[in-house]
PDB file of N, CA and C in Angstrom:
ATOM      1  N   MET A   1      61.084   7.372  -8.658  1.00  0.00           N
ATOM      2  CA  MET A   1      59.934   6.924  -7.865  1.00  0.00           C
ATOM      3  C   MET A   1      59.087   5.953  -8.681  1.00  0.00           C
ATOM      4  N   ASN A   2      58.651   4.931  -8.028  1.00  0.00           N
ATOM      5  CA  ASN A   2      57.815   3.929  -8.687  1.00  0.00           C
ATOM      6  C   ASN A   2      56.360   4.398  -8.642  1.00  0.00           C
ATOM      7  N   THR A   3      55.810   4.751  -9.790  1.00  0.00           N
ATOM      8  CA  THR A   3      54.455   5.286  -9.856  1.00  0.00           C
ATOM      9  C   THR A   3      53.431   4.204  -9.557  1.00  0.00           C
ATOM     10  N   LYS A   4      52.517   4.509  -8.641  1.00  0.00           N
ATOM     11  CA  LYS A   4      51.432   3.585  -8.304  1.00  0.00           C
ATOM     12  C   LYS A   4      50.359   3.660  -9.383  1.00  0.00           C
ATOM     13  N   ARG A   5      49.793   2.501  -9.715  1.00  0.00           N
ATOM     14  CA  ARG A   5      48.790   2.414 -10.772  1.00  0.00           C
ATOM     15  C   ARG A   5      47.411   2.096 -10.193  1.00  0.00           C
ATOM     16  N   ILE A   6      46.409   2.832 -10.678  1.00  0.00           N
ATOM     17  CA  ILE A   6      45.023   2.639 -10.255  1.00  0.00           C
ATOM     18  C   ILE A   6      44.187   2.291 -11.486  1.00  0.00           C
ATOM     19  N   LEU A   7      43.445   1.200 -11.397  1.00  0.00           N
ATOM     20  CA  LEU A   7      42.540   0.783 -12.466  1.00  0.00           C
ATOM     21  C   LEU A   7      41.119   1.045 -11.992  1.00  0.00           C
ATOM     22  N   ILE A   8      40.352   1.776 -12.797  1.00  0.00           N
ATOM     23  CA  ILE A   8      39.008   2.202 -12.391  1.00  0.00           C
ATOM     24  C   ILE A   8      37.965   1.621 -13.336  1.00  0.00           C
ATOM     25  N   PHE A   9      36.989   0.932 -12.770  1.00  0.00           N
ATOM     26  CA  PHE A   9      35.876   0.371 -13.539  1.00  0.00           C
ATOM     27  C   PHE A   9      34.609   1.131 -13.170  1.00  0.00           C
ATOM     28  N   ASP A  10      34.049   1.855 -14.136  1.00  0.00           N
ATOM     29  CA  ASP A  10      32.790   2.577 -13.917  1.00  0.00           C
ATOM     30  C   ASP A  10      32.182   2.852 -15.285  1.00  0.00           C
ATOM     31  N   ASP A  11      30.856   2.733 -15.394  1.00  0.00           N
ATOM     32  CA  ASP A  11      30.229   2.979 -16.697  1.00  0.00           C
ATOM     33  C   ASP A  11      29.839   4.446 -16.884  1.00  0.00           C
ATOM     34  N   ASP A  12      30.122   5.280 -15.892  1.00  0.00           N
ATOM     35  CA  ASP A  12      29.806   6.709 -15.977  1.00  0.00           C
ATOM     36  C   ASP A  12      31.058   7.457 -16.429  1.00  0.00           C
ATOM     37  N   LYS A  13      31.028   7.895 -17.694  1.00  0.00           N
ATOM     38  CA  LYS A  13      32.209   8.525 -18.288  1.00  0.00           C
ATOM     39  C   LYS A  13      32.648   9.772 -17.512  1.00  0.00           C
ATOM     40  N   SER A  14      31.698  10.543 -16.994  1.00  0.00           N
ATOM     41  CA  SER A  14      32.073  11.761 -16.272  1.00  0.00           C
ATOM     42  C   SER A  14      32.825  11.421 -14.979  1.00  0.00           C
ATOM     43  N   ILE A  15      32.429  10.354 -14.316  1.00  0.00           N
ATOM     44  CA  ILE A  15      33.149   9.919 -13.113  1.00  0.00           C
ATOM     45  C   ILE A  15      34.553   9.460 -13.487  1.00  0.00           C
ATOM     46  N   LEU A  16      34.665   8.702 -14.569  1.00  0.00           N
ATOM     47  CA  LEU A  16      35.984   8.253 -15.010  1.00  0.00           C
ATOM     48  C   LEU A  16      36.887   9.444 -15.314  1.00  0.00           C
ATOM     49  N   ASP A  17      36.318  10.471 -15.952  1.00  0.00           N
ATOM     50  CA  ASP A  17      37.101  11.670 -16.279  1.00  0.00           C
ATOM     51  C   ASP A  17      37.592  12.365 -15.009  1.00  0.00           C
ATOM     52  N   VAL A  18      36.692  12.533 -14.047  1.00  0.00           N
ATOM     53  CA  VAL A  18      37.059  13.200 -12.789  1.00  0.00           C
ATOM     54  C   VAL A  18      38.143  12.396 -12.060  1.00  0.00           C
ATOM     55  N   PHE A  19      37.937  11.087 -11.937  1.00  0.00           N
ATOM     56  CA  PHE A  19      38.920  10.238 -11.263  1.00  0.00           C
ATOM     57  C   PHE A  19      40.278  10.323 -11.955  1.00  0.00           C
ATOM     58  N   THR A  20      40.266  10.279 -13.283  1.00  0.00           N
ATOM     59  CA  THR A  20      41.521  10.324 -14.038  1.00  0.00           C
ATOM     60  C   THR A  20      42.268  11.624 -13.759  1.00  0.00           C
ATOM     61  N   ILE A  21      41.562  12.732 -13.779  1.00  0.00           N
ATOM     62  CA  ILE A  21      42.190  14.036 -13.522  1.00  0.00           C
ATOM     63  C   ILE A  21      42.761  14.086 -12.107  1.00  0.00           C
ATOM     64  N   ILE A  22      41.952  13.733 -11.127  1.00  0.00           N
ATOM     65  CA  ILE A  22      42.384  13.820  -9.724  1.00  0.00           C
ATOM     66  C   ILE A  22      43.597  12.934  -9.455  1.00  0.00           C
ATOM     67  N   PHE A  23      43.511  11.676  -9.848  1.00  0.00           N
ATOM     68  CA  PHE A  23      44.605  10.761  -9.519  1.00  0.00           C
ATOM     69  C   PHE A  23      45.856  11.042 -10.348  1.00  0.00           C
ATOM     70  N   SER A  24      45.695  11.468 -11.581  1.00  0.00           N
ATOM     71  CA  SER A  24      46.856  11.844 -12.396  1.00  0.00           C
ATOM     72  C   SER A  24      47.571  13.039 -11.778  1.00  0.00           C
ATOM     73  N   GLU A  25      46.782  14.036 -11.332  1.00  0.00           N
ATOM     74  CA  GLU A  25      47.370  15.213 -10.688  1.00  0.00           C
ATOM     75  C   GLU A  25      48.094  14.846  -9.399  1.00  0.00           C
ATOM     76  N   ASN A  26      47.639  13.784  -8.736  1.00  0.00           N
ATOM     77  CA  ASN A  26      48.273  13.333  -7.496  1.00  0.00           C
ATOM     78  C   ASN A  26      49.440  12.384  -7.763  1.00  0.00           C
ATOM     79  N   GLY A  27      49.796  12.205  -9.022  1.00  0.00           N
ATOM     80  CA  GLY A  27      50.982  11.425  -9.351  1.00  0.00           C
ATOM     81  C   GLY A  27      50.769   9.952  -9.611  1.00  0.00           C
ATOM     82  N   TYR A  28      49.513   9.530  -9.718  1.00  0.00           N
ATOM     83  CA  TYR A  28      49.237   8.124 -10.004  1.00  0.00           C
ATOM     84  C   TYR A  28      49.110   7.913 -11.509  1.00  0.00           C
ATOM     85  N   GLU A  29      49.370   6.689 -11.928  1.00  0.00           N
ATOM     86  CA  GLU A  29      49.098   6.295 -13.303  1.00  0.00           C
ATOM     87  C   GLU A  29      47.701   5.687 -13.295  1.00  0.00           C
ATOM     88  N   VAL A  30      46.825   6.149 -14.194  1.00  0.00           N
ATOM     89  CA  VAL A  30      45.418   5.753 -14.166  1.00  0.00           C
ATOM     90  C   VAL A  30      45.007   5.110 -15.487  1.00  0.00           C
ATOM     91  N   GLU A  31      44.238   4.037 -15.368  1.00  0.00           N
ATOM     92  CA  GLU A  31      43.609   3.444 -16.540  1.00  0.00           C
ATOM     93  C   GLU A  31      42.148   3.201 -16.179  1.00  0.00           C
ATOM     94  N   VAL A  32      41.257   3.359 -17.164  1.00  0.00           N
ATOM     95  CA  VAL A  32      39.827   3.223 -16.899  1.00  0.00           C
ATOM     96  C   VAL A  32      39.184   2.214 -17.846  1.00  0.00           C
ATOM     97  N   SER A  33      38.043   1.694 -17.402  1.00  0.00           N
ATOM     98  CA  SER A  33      37.262   0.779 -18.223  1.00  0.00           C
ATOM     99  C   SER A  33      35.783   0.993 -17.941  1.00  0.00           C
ATOM    100  N   GLU A  34      34.981   0.996 -18.998  1.00  0.00           N
ATOM    101  CA  GLU A  34      33.535   1.179 -18.833  1.00  0.00           C
ATOM    102  C   GLU A  34      32.796  -0.151 -18.752  1.00  0.00           C
ATOM    103  N   THR A  35      33.529  -1.257 -18.849  1.00  0.00           N
ATOM    104  CA  THR A  35      32.922  -2.582 -18.689  1.00  0.00           C
ATOM    105  C   THR A  35      33.842  -3.423 -17.798  1.00  0.00           C
ATOM    106  N   SER A  36      33.293  -4.515 -17.282  1.00  0.00           N
ATOM    107  CA  SER A  36      34.082  -5.328 -16.352  1.00  0.00           C
ATOM    108  C   SER A  36      34.299  -6.758 -16.840  1.00  0.00           C
ATOM    109  N   HIS A  37      33.770  -7.115 -18.015  1.00  0.00           N
ATOM    110  CA  HIS A  37      33.833  -8.510 -18.452  1.00  0.00           C
ATOM    111  C   HIS A  37      35.269  -8.993 -18.672  1.00  0.00           C
ATOM    112  N   ASN A  38      36.185  -8.059 -18.976  1.00  0.00           N
ATOM    113  CA  ASN A  38      37.562  -8.460 -19.264  1.00  0.00           C
ATOM    114  C   ASN A  38      38.507  -8.067 -18.127  1.00  0.00           C
ATOM    115  N   ILE A  39      38.017  -8.129 -16.898  1.00  0.00           N
ATOM    116  CA  ILE A  39      38.802  -7.654 -15.751  1.00  0.00           C
ATOM    117  C   ILE A  39      40.157  -8.351 -15.640  1.00  0.00           C
ATOM    118  N   ILE A  40      40.211  -9.648 -15.838  1.00  0.00           N
ATOM    119  CA  ILE A  40      41.486 -10.370 -15.688  1.00  0.00           C
ATOM    120  C   ILE A  40      42.490  -9.891 -16.735  1.00  0.00           C
ATOM    121  N   GLU A  41      42.050  -9.723 -17.972  1.00  0.00           N
ATOM    122  CA  GLU A  41      42.946  -9.243 -19.024  1.00  0.00           C
ATOM    123  C   GLU A  41      43.422  -7.826 -18.727  1.00  0.00           C
ATOM    124  N   ARG A  42      42.493  -6.969 -18.277  1.00  0.00           N
ATOM    125  CA  ARG A  42      42.865  -5.576 -17.965  1.00  0.00           C
ATOM    126  C   ARG A  42      43.883  -5.526 -16.831  1.00  0.00           C
ATOM    127  N   VAL A  43      43.660  -6.331 -15.802  1.00  0.00           N
ATOM    128  CA  VAL A  43      44.575  -6.369 -14.662  1.00  0.00           C
ATOM    129  C   VAL A  43      45.928  -6.946 -15.087  1.00  0.00           C
ATOM    130  N   ALA A  44      45.914  -7.986 -15.895  1.00  0.00           N
ATOM    131  CA  ALA A  44      47.161  -8.596 -16.363  1.00  0.00           C
ATOM    132  C   ALA A  44      47.981  -7.608 -17.192  1.00  0.00           C
ATOM    133  N   ASP A  45      47.309  -6.808 -18.011  1.00  0.00           N
ATOM    134  CA  ASP A  45      48.008  -5.839 -18.867  1.00  0.00           C
ATOM    135  C   ASP A  45      48.541  -4.644 -18.081  1.00  0.00           C
ATOM    136  N   PHE A  46      47.740  -4.130 -17.151  1.00  0.00           N
ATOM    137  CA  PHE A  46      48.077  -2.868 -16.470  1.00  0.00           C
ATOM    138  C   PHE A  46      48.810  -3.066 -15.146  1.00  0.00           C
ATOM    139  N   ARG A  47      48.581  -4.200 -14.488  1.00  0.00           N
ATOM    140  CA  ARG A  47      49.201  -4.497 -13.190  1.00  0.00           C
ATOM    141  C   ARG A  47      48.947  -3.391 -12.158  1.00  0.00           C
ATOM    142  N   PRO A  48      47.674  -3.118 -11.850  1.00  0.00           N
ATOM    143  CA  PRO A  48      47.367  -2.034 -10.908  1.00  0.00           C
ATOM    144  C   PRO A  48      47.750  -2.382  -9.479  1.00  0.00           C
ATOM    145  N   HIS A  49      47.997  -1.328  -8.694  1.00  0.00           N
ATOM    146  CA  HIS A  49      48.247  -1.493  -7.264  1.00  0.00           C
ATOM    147  C   HIS A  49      46.937  -1.382  -6.488  1.00  0.00           C
ATOM    148  N   LEU A  50      45.903  -0.835  -7.154  1.00  0.00           N
ATOM    149  CA  LEU A  50      44.596  -0.636  -6.530  1.00  0.00           C
ATOM    150  C   LEU A  50      43.533  -0.609  -7.624  1.00  0.00           C
ATOM    151  N   ILE A  51      42.344  -1.115  -7.290  1.00  0.00           N
ATOM    152  CA  ILE A  51      41.212  -1.091  -8.225  1.00  0.00           C
ATOM    153  C   ILE A  51      40.036  -0.386  -7.560  1.00  0.00           C
ATOM    154  N   LEU A  52      39.408   0.526  -8.300  1.00  0.00           N
ATOM    155  CA  LEU A  52      38.144   1.128  -7.881  1.00  0.00           C
ATOM    156  C   LEU A  52      37.072   0.479  -8.747  1.00  0.00           C
ATOM    157  N   MET A  53      36.077  -0.141  -8.116  1.00  0.00           N
ATOM    158  CA  MET A  53      35.064  -0.907  -8.849  1.00  0.00           C
ATOM    159  C   MET A  53      33.663  -0.395  -8.550  1.00  0.00           C
ATOM    160  N   ASP A  54      32.970   0.017  -9.604  1.00  0.00           N
ATOM    161  CA  ASP A  54      31.574   0.421  -9.479  1.00  0.00           C
ATOM    162  C   ASP A  54      30.702  -0.831  -9.405  1.00  0.00           C
ATOM    163  N   ASN A  55      29.603  -0.742  -8.670  1.00  0.00           N
ATOM    164  CA  ASN A  55      28.694  -1.884  -8.566  1.00  0.00           C
ATOM    165  C   ASN A  55      27.938  -2.130  -9.869  1.00  0.00           C
ATOM    166  N   TRP A  56      27.352  -1.075 -10.431  1.00  0.00           N
ATOM    167  CA  TRP A  56      26.512  -1.224 -11.629  1.00  0.00           C
ATOM    168  C   TRP A  56      27.361  -1.004 -12.875  1.00  0.00           C
ATOM    169  N   ILE A  57      28.086  -2.014 -13.270  1.00  0.00           N
ATOM    170  CA  ILE A  57      28.933  -1.879 -14.458  1.00  0.00           C
ATOM    171  C   ILE A  57      28.541  -2.947 -15.473  1.00  0.00           C
ATOM    172  N   PRO A  58      28.484  -2.561 -16.747  1.00  0.00           N
ATOM    173  CA  PRO A  58      27.988  -3.480 -17.780  1.00  0.00           C
ATOM    174  C   PRO A  58      28.719  -4.811 -17.855  1.00  0.00           C
ATOM    175  N   ASP A  59      28.013  -5.736 -18.377  1.00  0.00           N
ATOM    176  CA  ASP A  59      28.421  -7.106 -18.657  1.00  0.00           C
ATOM    177  C   ASP A  59      28.242  -7.975 -17.426  1.00  0.00           C
ATOM    178  N   ILE A  60      29.211  -8.061 -16.533  1.00  0.00           N
ATOM    179  CA  ILE A  60      29.043  -9.010 -15.420  1.00  0.00           C
ATOM    180  C   ILE A  60      28.788  -8.344 -14.078  1.00  0.00           C
ATOM    181  N   GLY A  61      28.930  -7.035 -13.993  1.00  0.00           N
ATOM    182  CA  GLY A  61      28.684  -6.337 -12.731  1.00  0.00           C
ATOM    183  C   GLY A  61      29.883  -6.378 -11.802  1.00  0.00           C
ATOM    184  N   GLY A  62      29.876  -5.456 -10.843  1.00  0.00           N
ATOM    185  CA  GLY A  62      31.007  -5.302  -9.939  1.00  0.00           C
ATOM    186  C   GLY A  62      31.272  -6.498  -9.051  1.00  0.00           C
ATOM    187  N   ILE A  63      30.220  -7.080  -8.487  1.00  0.00           N
ATOM    188  CA  ILE A  63      30.412  -8.211  -7.571  1.00  0.00           C
ATOM    189  C   ILE A  63      31.087  -9.377  -8.279  1.00  0.00           C
ATOM    190  N   GLU A  64      30.559  -9.755  -9.438  1.00  0.00           N
ATOM    191  CA  GLU A  64      31.144 -10.879 -10.177  1.00  0.00           C
ATOM    192  C   GLU A  64      32.564 -10.566 -10.638  1.00  0.00           C
ATOM    193  N   ALA A  65      32.810  -9.318 -11.044  1.00  0.00           N
ATOM    194  CA  ALA A  65      34.147  -8.932 -11.501  1.00  0.00           C
ATOM    195  C   ALA A  65      35.169  -9.068 -10.371  1.00  0.00           C
ATOM    196  N   VAL A  66      34.806  -8.593  -9.178  1.00  0.00           N
ATOM    197  CA  VAL A  66      35.732  -8.687  -8.046  1.00  0.00           C
ATOM    198  C   VAL A  66      35.925 -10.157  -7.649  1.00  0.00           C
ATOM    199  N   LYS A  67      34.872 -10.942  -7.715  1.00  0.00           N
ATOM    200  CA  LYS A  67      35.007 -12.373  -7.387  1.00  0.00           C
ATOM    201  C   LYS A  67      35.959 -13.072  -8.356  1.00  0.00           C
ATOM    202  N   LEU A  68      35.887 -12.708  -9.638  1.00  0.00           N
ATOM    203  CA  LEU A  68      36.828 -13.275 -10.611  1.00  0.00           C
ATOM    204  C   LEU A  68      38.260 -12.956 -10.184  1.00  0.00           C
ATOM    205  N   LEU A  69      38.458 -11.738  -9.755  1.00  0.00           N
ATOM    206  CA  LEU A  69      39.777 -11.299  -9.308  1.00  0.00           C
ATOM    207  C   LEU A  69      40.217 -12.084  -8.068  1.00  0.00           C
ATOM    208  N   ARG A  70      39.305 -12.220  -7.105  1.00  0.00           N
ATOM    209  CA  ARG A  70      39.624 -12.909  -5.851  1.00  0.00           C
ATOM    210  C   ARG A  70      39.928 -14.399  -6.082  1.00  0.00           C
ATOM    211  N   ASN A  71      39.375 -14.963  -7.148  1.00  0.00           N
ATOM    212  CA  ASN A  71      39.612 -16.370  -7.457  1.00  0.00           C
ATOM    213  C   ASN A  71      40.845 -16.584  -8.325  1.00  0.00           C
ATOM    214  N   HIS A  72      41.530 -15.515  -8.666  1.00  0.00           N
ATOM    215  CA  HIS A  72      42.713 -15.604  -9.517  1.00  0.00           C
ATOM    216  C   HIS A  72      43.960 -15.592  -8.630  1.00  0.00           C
ATOM    217  N   ARG A  73      44.749 -16.631  -8.730  1.00  0.00           N
ATOM    218  CA  ARG A  73      45.908 -16.803  -7.854  1.00  0.00           C
ATOM    219  C   ARG A  73      46.832 -15.577  -7.843  1.00  0.00           C
ATOM    220  N   GLU A  74      47.084 -15.021  -9.004  1.00  0.00           N
ATOM    221  CA  GLU A  74      48.052 -13.934  -9.116  1.00  0.00           C
ATOM    222  C   GLU A  74      47.504 -12.567  -8.686  1.00  0.00           C
ATOM    223  N   PHE A  75      46.194 -12.371  -8.815  1.00  0.00           N
ATOM    224  CA  PHE A  75      45.621 -11.034  -8.598  1.00  0.00           C
ATOM    225  C   PHE A  75      44.733 -10.927  -7.365  1.00  0.00           C
ATOM    226  N   LYS A  76      44.596 -11.992  -6.603  1.00  0.00           N
ATOM    227  CA  LYS A  76      43.621 -12.018  -5.502  1.00  0.00           C
ATOM    228  C   LYS A  76      43.915 -11.022  -4.389  1.00  0.00           C
ATOM    229  N   ASP A  77      45.165 -10.559  -4.286  1.00  0.00           N
ATOM    230  CA  ASP A  77      45.525  -9.663  -3.191  1.00  0.00           C
ATOM    231  C   ASP A  77      45.521  -8.190  -3.556  1.00  0.00           C
ATOM    232  N   ILE A  78      45.126  -7.853  -4.788  1.00  0.00           N
ATOM    233  CA  ILE A  78      45.060  -6.443  -5.168  1.00  0.00           C
ATOM    234  C   ILE A  78      43.891  -5.798  -4.417  1.00  0.00           C
ATOM    235  N   PRO A  79      44.150  -4.701  -3.683  1.00  0.00           N
ATOM    236  CA  PRO A  79      43.057  -4.054  -2.951  1.00  0.00           C
ATOM    237  C   PRO A  79      41.989  -3.497  -3.892  1.00  0.00           C
ATOM    238  N   VAL A  80      40.731  -3.660  -3.486  1.00  0.00           N
ATOM    239  CA  VAL A  80      39.596  -3.153  -4.272  1.00  0.00           C
ATOM    240  C   VAL A  80      38.748  -2.254  -3.379  1.00  0.00           C
ATOM    241  N   ILE A  81      38.491  -1.034  -3.866  1.00  0.00           N
ATOM    242  CA  ILE A  81      37.535  -0.143  -3.204  1.00  0.00           C
ATOM    243  C   ILE A  81      36.259  -0.189  -4.040  1.00  0.00           C
ATOM    244  N   TYR A  82      35.171  -0.615  -3.406  1.00  0.00           N
ATOM    245  CA  TYR A  82      33.888  -0.785  -4.088  1.00  0.00           C
ATOM    246  C   TYR A  82      33.106   0.521  -4.007  1.00  0.00           C
ATOM    247  N   ILE A  83      32.522   0.923  -5.121  1.00  0.00           N
ATOM    248  CA  ILE A  83      31.812   2.205  -5.188  1.00  0.00           C
ATOM    249  C   ILE A  83      30.398   1.972  -5.708  1.00  0.00           C
ATOM    250  N   SER A  84      29.417   2.567  -5.003  1.00  0.00           N
ATOM    251  CA  SER A  84      28.035   2.403  -5.454  1.00  0.00           C
ATOM    252  C   SER A  84      27.135   3.471  -4.857  1.00  0.00           C
ATOM    253  N   ALA A  85      26.076   3.782  -5.587  1.00  0.00           N
ATOM    254  CA  ALA A  85      25.037   4.678  -5.068  1.00  0.00           C
ATOM    255  C   ALA A  85      23.992   3.884  -4.283  1.00  0.00           C
ATOM    256  N   ASN A  86      24.109   2.568  -4.291  1.00  0.00           N
ATOM    257  CA  ASN A  86      23.168   1.716  -3.584  1.00  0.00           C
ATOM    258  C   ASN A  86      23.248   1.976  -2.082  1.00  0.00           C
ATOM    259  N   SER A  87      22.107   2.059  -1.426  1.00  0.00           N
ATOM    260  CA  SER A  87      22.090   2.353   0.015  1.00  0.00           C
ATOM    261  C   SER A  87      22.652   1.210   0.840  1.00  0.00           C
ATOM    262  N   ASP A  88      22.717   0.025   0.272  1.00  0.00           N
ATOM    263  CA  ASP A  88      23.217  -1.139   0.995  1.00  0.00           C
ATOM    264  C   ASP A  88      24.634  -1.503   0.550  1.00  0.00           C
ATOM    265  N   ILE A  89      25.452  -0.487   0.324  1.00  0.00           N
ATOM    266  CA  ILE A  89      26.796  -0.720  -0.216  1.00  0.00           C
ATOM    267  C   ILE A  89      27.663  -1.581   0.692  1.00  0.00           C
ATOM    268  N   ASN A  90      27.471  -1.472   1.996  1.00  0.00           N
ATOM    269  CA  ASN A  90      28.254  -2.294   2.915  1.00  0.00           C
ATOM    270  C   ASN A  90      28.065  -3.780   2.604  1.00  0.00           C
ATOM    271  N   THR A  91      26.819  -4.202   2.442  1.00  0.00           N
ATOM    272  CA  THR A  91      26.514  -5.605   2.121  1.00  0.00           C
ATOM    273  C   THR A  91      27.068  -5.985   0.752  1.00  0.00           C
ATOM    274  N   LEU A  92      26.896  -5.089  -0.233  1.00  0.00           N
ATOM    275  CA  LEU A  92      27.412  -5.368  -1.579  1.00  0.00           C
ATOM    276  C   LEU A  92      28.928  -5.530  -1.565  1.00  0.00           C
ATOM    277  N   ALA A  93      29.608  -4.647  -0.846  1.00  0.00           N
ATOM    278  CA  ALA A  93      31.074  -4.705  -0.781  1.00  0.00           C
ATOM    279  C   ALA A  93      31.539  -6.008  -0.131  1.00  0.00           C
ATOM    280  N   LYS A  94      30.828  -6.437   0.916  1.00  0.00           N
ATOM    281  CA  LYS A  94      31.176  -7.709   1.574  1.00  0.00           C
ATOM    282  C   LYS A  94      30.959  -8.875   0.615  1.00  0.00           C
ATOM    283  N   LYS A  95      29.831  -8.844  -0.091  1.00  0.00           N
ATOM    284  CA  LYS A  95      29.518  -9.913  -1.031  1.00  0.00           C
ATOM    285  C   LYS A  95      30.589  -9.995  -2.126  1.00  0.00           C
ATOM    286  N   ALA A  96      31.090  -8.831  -2.537  1.00  0.00           N
ATOM    287  CA  ALA A  96      32.111  -8.783  -3.586  1.00  0.00           C
ATOM    288  C   ALA A  96      33.506  -9.118  -3.054  1.00  0.00           C
ATOM    289  N   GLU A  97      33.636  -9.159  -1.728  1.00  0.00           N
ATOM    290  CA  GLU A  97      34.932  -9.376  -1.079  1.00  0.00           C
ATOM    291  C   GLU A  97      35.881  -8.205  -1.335  1.00  0.00           C
ATOM    292  N   ALA A  98      35.327  -6.993  -1.371  1.00  0.00           N
ATOM    293  CA  ALA A  98      36.145  -5.790  -1.540  1.00  0.00           C
ATOM    294  C   ALA A  98      36.836  -5.450  -0.227  1.00  0.00           C
ATOM    295  N   ASP A  99      37.919  -4.690  -0.327  1.00  0.00           N
ATOM    296  CA  ASP A  99      38.684  -4.317   0.865  1.00  0.00           C
ATOM    297  C   ASP A  99      38.096  -3.105   1.571  1.00  0.00           C
ATOM    298  N   ASP A 100      37.389  -2.273   0.824  1.00  0.00           N
ATOM    299  CA  ASP A 100      36.795  -1.066   1.387  1.00  0.00           C
ATOM    300  C   ASP A 100      35.671  -0.647   0.445  1.00  0.00           C
ATOM    301  N   TYR A 101      34.901   0.354   0.841  1.00  0.00           N
ATOM    302  CA  TYR A 101      33.825   0.818  -0.030  1.00  0.00           C
ATOM    303  C   TYR A 101      33.589   2.298   0.170  1.00  0.00           C
ATOM    304  N   LEU A 102      32.884   2.871  -0.788  1.00  0.00           N
ATOM    305  CA  LEU A 102      32.573   4.290  -0.772  1.00  0.00           C
ATOM    306  C   LEU A 102      31.207   4.473  -1.422  1.00  0.00           C
ATOM    307  N   ALA A 103      30.308   5.153  -0.717  1.00  0.00           N
ATOM    308  CA  ALA A 103      28.965   5.387  -1.250  1.00  0.00           C
ATOM    309  C   ALA A 103      28.950   6.637  -2.115  1.00  0.00           C
ATOM    310  N   LYS A 104      28.284   6.550  -3.266  1.00  0.00           N
ATOM    311  CA  LYS A 104      28.064   7.725  -4.119  1.00  0.00           C
ATOM    312  C   LYS A 104      26.827   8.450  -3.615  1.00  0.00           C
ATOM    313  N   PRO A 105      26.759   9.762  -3.655  1.00  0.00           N
ATOM    314  CA  PRO A 105      27.862  10.670  -3.983  1.00  0.00           C
ATOM    315  C   PRO A 105      28.822  10.748  -2.803  1.00  0.00           C
ATOM    316  N   PHE A 106      30.076  11.063  -3.073  1.00  0.00           N
ATOM    317  CA  PHE A 106      31.076  11.111  -2.008  1.00  0.00           C
ATOM    318  C   PHE A 106      31.940  12.353  -2.167  1.00  0.00           C
ATOM    319  N   GLU A 107      32.651  12.671  -1.098  1.00  0.00           N
ATOM    320  CA  GLU A 107      33.580  13.791  -1.146  1.00  0.00           C
ATOM    321  C   GLU A 107      34.923  13.272  -1.649  1.00  0.00           C
ATOM    322  N   LEU A 108      35.546  14.041  -2.530  1.00  0.00           N
ATOM    323  CA  LEU A 108      36.807  13.601  -3.116  1.00  0.00           C
ATOM    324  C   LEU A 108      37.894  13.391  -2.074  1.00  0.00           C
ATOM    325  N   GLN A 109      37.864  14.189  -0.993  1.00  0.00           N
ATOM    326  CA  GLN A 109      38.882  14.020   0.050  1.00  0.00           C
ATOM    327  C   GLN A 109      38.784  12.645   0.699  1.00  0.00           C
ATOM    328  N   ILE A 110      37.562  12.151   0.855  1.00  0.00           N
ATOM    329  CA  ILE A 110      37.368  10.827   1.455  1.00  0.00           C
ATOM    330  C   ILE A 110      37.918   9.751   0.521  1.00  0.00           C
ATOM    331  N   LEU A 111      37.625   9.891  -0.772  1.00  0.00           N
ATOM    332  CA  LEU A 111      38.157   8.950  -1.754  1.00  0.00           C
ATOM    333  C   LEU A 111      39.686   8.968  -1.728  1.00  0.00           C
ATOM    334  N   GLU A 112      40.267  10.164  -1.735  1.00  0.00           N
ATOM    335  CA  GLU A 112      41.731  10.271  -1.729  1.00  0.00           C
ATOM    336  C   GLU A 112      42.331   9.639  -0.482  1.00  0.00           C
ATOM    337  N   LYS A 113      41.679   9.810   0.671  1.00  0.00           N
ATOM    338  CA  LYS A 113      42.171   9.210   1.918  1.00  0.00           C
ATOM    339  C   LYS A 113      42.127   7.682   1.852  1.00  0.00           C
ATOM    340  N   LYS A 114      41.045   7.159   1.279  1.00  0.00           N
ATOM    341  CA  LYS A 114      40.932   5.700   1.160  1.00  0.00           C
ATOM    342  C   LYS A 114      42.015   5.151   0.228  1.00  0.00           C
ATOM    343  N   VAL A 115      42.256   5.853  -0.873  1.00  0.00           N
ATOM    344  CA  VAL A 115      43.304   5.424  -1.806  1.00  0.00           C
ATOM    345  C   VAL A 115      44.663   5.468  -1.110  1.00  0.00           C
ATOM    346  N   GLU A 116      44.927   6.537  -0.388  1.00  0.00           N
ATOM    347  CA  GLU A 116      46.210   6.671   0.322  1.00  0.00           C
ATOM    348  C   GLU A 116      46.382   5.572   1.358  1.00  0.00           C
ATOM    349  N   LYS A 117      45.269   5.139   1.967  1.00  0.00           N
ATOM    350  CA  LYS A 117      45.323   4.078   2.967  1.00  0.00           C
ATOM    351  C   LYS A 117      45.949   2.810   2.362  1.00  0.00           C
ATOM    352  N   PHE A 118      45.613   2.531   1.102  1.00  0.00           N
ATOM    353  CA  PHE A 118      46.117   1.319   0.450  1.00  0.00           C
ATOM    354  C   PHE A 118      47.443   1.537  -0.264  1.00  0.00           C
ATOM    355  N   LEU A 119      47.665   2.735  -0.776  1.00  0.00           N
ATOM    356  CA  LEU A 119      48.853   2.973  -1.593  1.00  0.00           C
ATOM    357  C   LEU A 119      49.905   3.837  -0.925  1.00  0.00           C
ATOM    358  N   GLY A 120      49.531   4.520   0.145  1.00  0.00           N
ATOM    359  CA  GLY A 120      50.448   5.480   0.745  1.00  0.00           C
ATOM    360  C   GLY A 120      50.442   6.751  -0.094  1.00  0.00           C
ATOM    361  N   ALA A 121      50.933   7.830   0.455  1.00  0.00           N
ATOM    362  CA  ALA A 121      50.985   9.091  -0.299  1.00  0.00           C
ATOM    363  C   ALA A 121      51.904   8.897  -1.498  1.00  0.00           C
ATOM    364  N   ASN A 122      51.518   9.455  -2.625  1.00  0.00           N
ATOM    365  CA  ASN A 122      52.264   9.232  -3.866  1.00  0.00           C
ATOM    366  C   ASN A 122      52.776  10.533  -4.468  1.00  0.00           C
ATOM    367  N   TYR A 123      52.950  11.556  -3.620  1.00  0.00           N
ATOM    368  CA  TYR A 123      53.426  12.828  -4.161  1.00  0.00           C
ATOM    369  C   TYR A 123      54.274  13.548  -3.152  1.00  0.00           C
TER     370      TYR A 123
END
């Protein structure tokens, strides 16, 4: 089976830990980053099938990071789920050109369903 890869950008280490445990247990390969300034290099190295992007992430922020991705010929079609505690996440996700979004705090089942929507069941 070809393992699906998820790249997660969030500056909250506890969230990264939870995501890593959940997605690893569900059979995904997971890589995390606490900054977004090197998004193109991280994507080029890991080749994710899906990206989870936090809005408030150090260096350039989620919106700019996703825009860098969208402007890159090779990586522009990788699905991005935008994550934020901001009450206006819908607008932020649109501005970032994300494929979907999830407001913090969220239920893990909802996150898993959104991931499955883009990757299909992986177990």
